[in-house]
Amino acid sequence: MSLEETARSLADLKKYLEDKLAALTAEIEHIKALIRIVDEALAKVSFKPASALEVSREGVQQISQPSPPPTPRGLETETLIMASSRMSNKLLGKMYIGEGYIRIVPAQDIELNINIPPFRQFLVEKVLEEMRRKDREAVERGELREEEALDYEIKTKGDILTEIFVKNVVDERRMRELKNAVRWTFERMLEKIAHRGF
């Protein structure tokens, strides 16, 4: 092999390693964000009596029946929700970011039943409900106006998820948390479908 070929091969290898490092770094950041969400959720649940948890579950059963939010209008920014490399970077869904809201739509080739864990147990109860609770508390303290508080709707066709609509999301940190939580939840649901035949 000539020196020129060796240099070219080393340059290609370097680019591959740099791309791989960037992908792994991004995945580490996603995992850290999810760990923070889970830690916060665990801290809350650890001190809740069983009766409180039961009430929470009953409340979640009604998530597919709330009054619908206004239909999104205007321009939306689309971002892809991709699975991690261990799932071959499969497209899980798309997140559409509008003015003060986001819509999360599962990929067309996957069907996610909302009864498959950890959809309700984690994404709804520990992430969406927790964000809504924090905003309600901010409203009660006078730090946030009622119409600015986060709220959400889970849209389904039967038990199949068609869209998650979250309004009053203006904080980029929350958008990242939601995207990471959705990615993690959808991956776990697909794993359960594959292994247990839901």
Protein backbone atom coordinates (compact mmCIF):
# COMPACT_ATOMS: atom_id res chain seq x y z
CA MET A 1 0.00 0.00 0.00
CA SER A 2 1.41 3.40 -0.96
CA LEU A 3 1.78 6.27 1.48
CA GLU A 4 -1.05 8.09 -0.24
CA GLU A 5 -3.41 5.11 0.13
CA THR A 6 -2.37 4.68 3.76
CA ALA A 7 -3.08 8.37 4.45
CA ARG A 8 -6.47 8.10 2.76
CA SER A 9 -7.37 4.98 4.76
CA LEU A 10 -6.33 6.64 8.02
CA ALA A 11 -8.35 9.76 7.16
CA ASP A 12 -11.42 7.60 6.46
CA LEU A 13 -10.89 5.73 9.72
CA LYS A 14 -10.56 8.99 11.63
CA LYS A 15 -13.83 10.31 10.16
CA TYR A 16 -15.59 7.05 11.03
CA LEU A 17 -14.33 7.19 14.62
CA GLU A 18 -15.31 10.85 14.98
CA ASP A 19 -18.83 10.13 13.66
CA LYS A 20 -19.13 7.14 15.98
CA LEU A 21 -17.96 9.23 18.95
CA ALA A 22 -20.49 11.97 18.15
CA ALA A 23 -23.32 9.40 17.95
CA LEU A 24 -22.29 7.76 21.24
CA THR A 25 -21.96 11.13 22.95
CA ALA A 26 -25.47 12.08 21.84
CA GLU A 27 -26.81 8.75 23.10
CA ILE A 28 -25.09 9.26 26.47
CA GLU A 29 -26.76 12.67 26.80
CA HIS A 30 -30.15 11.13 26.00
CA ILE A 31 -29.61 8.40 28.60
CA LYS A 32 -28.56 10.96 31.22
CA ALA A 33 -31.70 12.99 30.54
CA LEU A 34 -33.86 9.88 30.94
CA ILE A 35 -32.08 8.91 34.15
CA ARG A 36 -32.86 12.36 35.57
CA ILE A 37 -36.53 11.95 34.65
CA VAL A 38 -36.67 8.47 36.20
CA ASP A 39 -34.88 9.68 39.36
CA GLU A 40 -37.41 12.48 39.81
CA ALA A 41 -40.27 10.06 39.21
CA LEU A 42 -38.87 7.54 41.71
CA ALA A 43 -38.44 10.22 44.33
CA LYS A 44 -42.12 11.14 43.97
CA VAL A 45 -43.48 7.59 43.96
CA SER A 46 -41.36 6.38 46.84
CA PHE A 47 -43.32 8.53 49.26
CA LYS A 48 -46.82 8.04 47.84
CA PRO A 49 -49.23 5.71 49.66
CA ALA A 50 -50.86 2.94 47.63
CA SER A 51 -54.21 4.75 47.75
CA ALA A 52 -52.69 7.81 46.09
CA LEU A 53 -51.23 5.67 43.32
CA GLU A 54 -54.60 4.02 42.72
CA VAL A 55 -56.29 7.39 42.31
CA SER A 56 -53.58 8.40 39.84
CA ARG A 57 -54.17 5.27 37.77
CA GLU A 58 -57.92 5.90 37.70
CA GLY A 59 -57.30 9.40 36.46
CA VAL A 60 -55.07 8.16 33.67
CA GLN A 61 -57.80 5.86 32.38
CA GLN A 62 -59.60 8.98 31.15
CA ILE A 63 -56.72 10.37 29.10
CA SER A 64 -58.25 9.48 25.76
CA GLN A 65 -61.48 11.39 26.50
CA PRO A 66 -60.54 15.03 27.34
CA SER A 67 -61.97 18.01 25.51
CA PRO A 68 -59.85 18.44 22.39
CA PRO A 69 -57.38 21.31 22.21
CA PRO A 70 -57.56 23.80 19.36
CA THR A 71 -56.46 22.38 16.02
CA PRO A 72 -52.84 23.40 15.37
CA ARG A 73 -52.47 26.18 12.83
CA GLY A 74 -49.56 27.81 11.09
CA LEU A 75 -46.06 26.57 10.44
CA GLU A 76 -44.63 23.56 12.22
CA THR A 77 -41.04 22.38 12.49
CA GLU A 78 -40.64 18.65 12.01
CA THR A 79 -38.02 16.62 13.85
CA LEU A 80 -37.51 12.86 13.63
CA ILE A 81 -37.58 10.57 16.66
CA MET A 82 -35.07 7.82 15.96
CA ALA A 83 -34.42 4.66 17.95
CA SER A 84 -30.98 4.02 19.38
CA SER A 85 -28.34 2.16 17.40
CA ARG A 86 -29.21 -1.13 19.15
CA MET A 87 -32.57 -0.93 17.33
CA SER A 88 -30.86 -0.08 14.04
CA ASN A 89 -31.78 3.61 14.27
CA LYS A 90 -35.38 2.78 13.33
CA LEU A 91 -37.76 5.70 12.82
CA LEU A 92 -40.10 5.72 15.83
CA GLY A 93 -42.10 8.81 15.02
CA LYS A 94 -42.06 12.51 14.30
CA MET A 95 -42.33 15.51 16.59
CA TYR A 96 -43.96 18.61 15.12
CA ILE A 97 -43.14 21.83 16.94
CA GLY A 98 -45.61 24.69 16.54
CA GLU A 99 -46.09 27.98 18.31
CA GLY A 100 -46.52 26.96 21.94
CA TYR A 101 -47.31 23.30 21.31
CA ILE A 102 -45.84 20.03 20.08
CA ARG A 103 -47.43 17.05 18.37
CA ILE A 104 -45.86 13.60 18.53
CA VAL A 105 -47.01 11.14 15.87
CA PRO A 106 -45.83 7.49 15.78
CA ALA A 107 -44.21 6.26 12.56
CA GLN A 108 -46.73 4.91 10.04
CA ASP A 109 -45.28 1.39 10.09
CA ILE A 110 -45.69 0.84 13.84
CA GLU A 111 -48.81 0.37 15.96
CA LEU A 112 -48.47 1.18 19.65
CA ASN A 113 -51.21 0.04 22.00
CA ILE A 114 -51.46 2.50 24.91
CA ASN A 115 -52.04 -0.41 27.31
CA ILE A 116 -48.50 -1.71 26.73
CA PRO A 117 -46.10 -0.64 29.51
CA PRO A 118 -44.45 1.69 30.09
CA PHE A 119 -46.73 4.08 28.16
CA ARG A 120 -49.14 4.93 30.98
CA GLN A 121 -46.84 4.05 33.85
CA PHE A 122 -43.91 6.18 32.69
CA LEU A 123 -44.68 8.53 29.81
CA VAL A 124 -48.10 9.59 31.05
CA GLU A 125 -47.91 9.33 34.84
CA LYS A 126 -44.26 10.17 35.44
CA VAL A 127 -43.50 12.61 32.63
CA LEU A 128 -46.60 14.34 31.24
CA GLU A 129 -48.57 14.34 34.50
CA GLU A 130 -45.52 15.54 36.42
CA MET A 131 -45.00 18.46 34.03
CA ARG A 132 -48.69 19.35 34.25
CA ARG A 133 -48.60 19.17 38.05
CA LYS A 134 -45.61 21.51 38.24
CA ASP A 135 -47.37 24.07 36.04
CA ARG A 136 -50.58 23.83 38.12
CA GLU A 137 -48.54 24.53 41.23
CA ALA A 138 -46.92 27.51 39.49
CA VAL A 139 -50.40 28.82 38.63
CA GLU A 140 -51.49 28.49 42.26
CA ARG A 141 -48.41 30.43 43.37
CA GLY A 142 -49.20 33.16 40.86
CA GLU A 143 -46.03 32.49 38.84
CA LEU A 144 -47.89 31.34 35.73
CA ARG A 145 -51.19 32.25 34.13
CA GLU A 146 -53.81 29.50 33.85
CA GLU A 147 -53.86 29.69 30.05
CA GLU A 148 -50.07 29.25 29.96
CA ALA A 149 -50.01 26.00 31.95
CA LEU A 150 -48.95 22.81 30.18
CA ASP A 151 -51.71 20.39 29.25
CA TYR A 152 -51.90 17.40 26.96
CA GLU A 153 -54.18 15.03 25.11
CA ILE A 154 -53.55 11.43 24.10
CA LYS A 155 -55.31 10.72 20.81
CA THR A 156 -56.12 7.12 19.93
CA LYS A 157 -57.95 5.00 17.41
CA GLY A 158 -59.35 2.33 19.66
CA ASP A 159 -56.34 1.54 21.84
CA ILE A 160 -53.78 2.44 19.17
CA LEU A 161 -51.88 5.67 19.72
CA THR A 162 -52.27 8.17 16.88
CA GLU A 163 -50.92 11.39 18.42
CA ILE A 164 -49.74 13.03 21.62
CA PHE A 165 -50.67 16.71 21.69
CA VAL A 166 -48.95 18.87 24.32
CA LYS A 167 -49.82 22.54 24.55
CA ASN A 168 -47.92 25.38 26.18
CA VAL A 169 -44.49 23.86 25.63
CA VAL A 170 -42.11 26.77 25.13
CA ASP A 171 -39.11 25.57 27.14
CA GLU A 172 -36.48 23.83 25.00
CA ARG A 173 -35.42 21.73 28.00
CA ARG A 174 -38.94 20.34 28.26
CA MET A 175 -39.02 19.63 24.55
CA ARG A 176 -35.79 17.63 24.88
CA GLU A 177 -37.12 15.76 27.91
CA LEU A 178 -40.32 14.88 26.08
CA LYS A 179 -38.49 13.72 22.97
CA ASN A 180 -36.08 11.57 25.01
CA ALA A 181 -38.90 10.14 27.13
CA VAL A 182 -40.98 9.33 24.03
CA ARG A 183 -37.98 7.64 22.36
CA TRP A 184 -37.29 5.51 25.44
CA THR A 185 -40.98 4.63 25.92
CA PHE A 186 -41.59 3.70 22.28
CA GLU A 187 -38.45 1.53 22.24
CA ARG A 188 -39.57 -0.38 25.36
CA MET A 189 -43.07 -0.84 23.91
CA LEU A 190 -41.69 -2.23 20.66
CA GLU A 191 -39.45 -4.60 22.60
CA LYS A 192 -42.45 -5.91 24.54
CA ILE A 193 -44.43 -6.33 21.31
CA ALA A 194 -41.56 -8.30 19.75
CA HIS A 195 -40.84 -10.51 22.79
CA ARG A 196 -44.32 -11.08 24.18
CA GLY A 197 -46.52 -10.74 21.13
CA PHE A 198 -48.82 -7.99 22.43
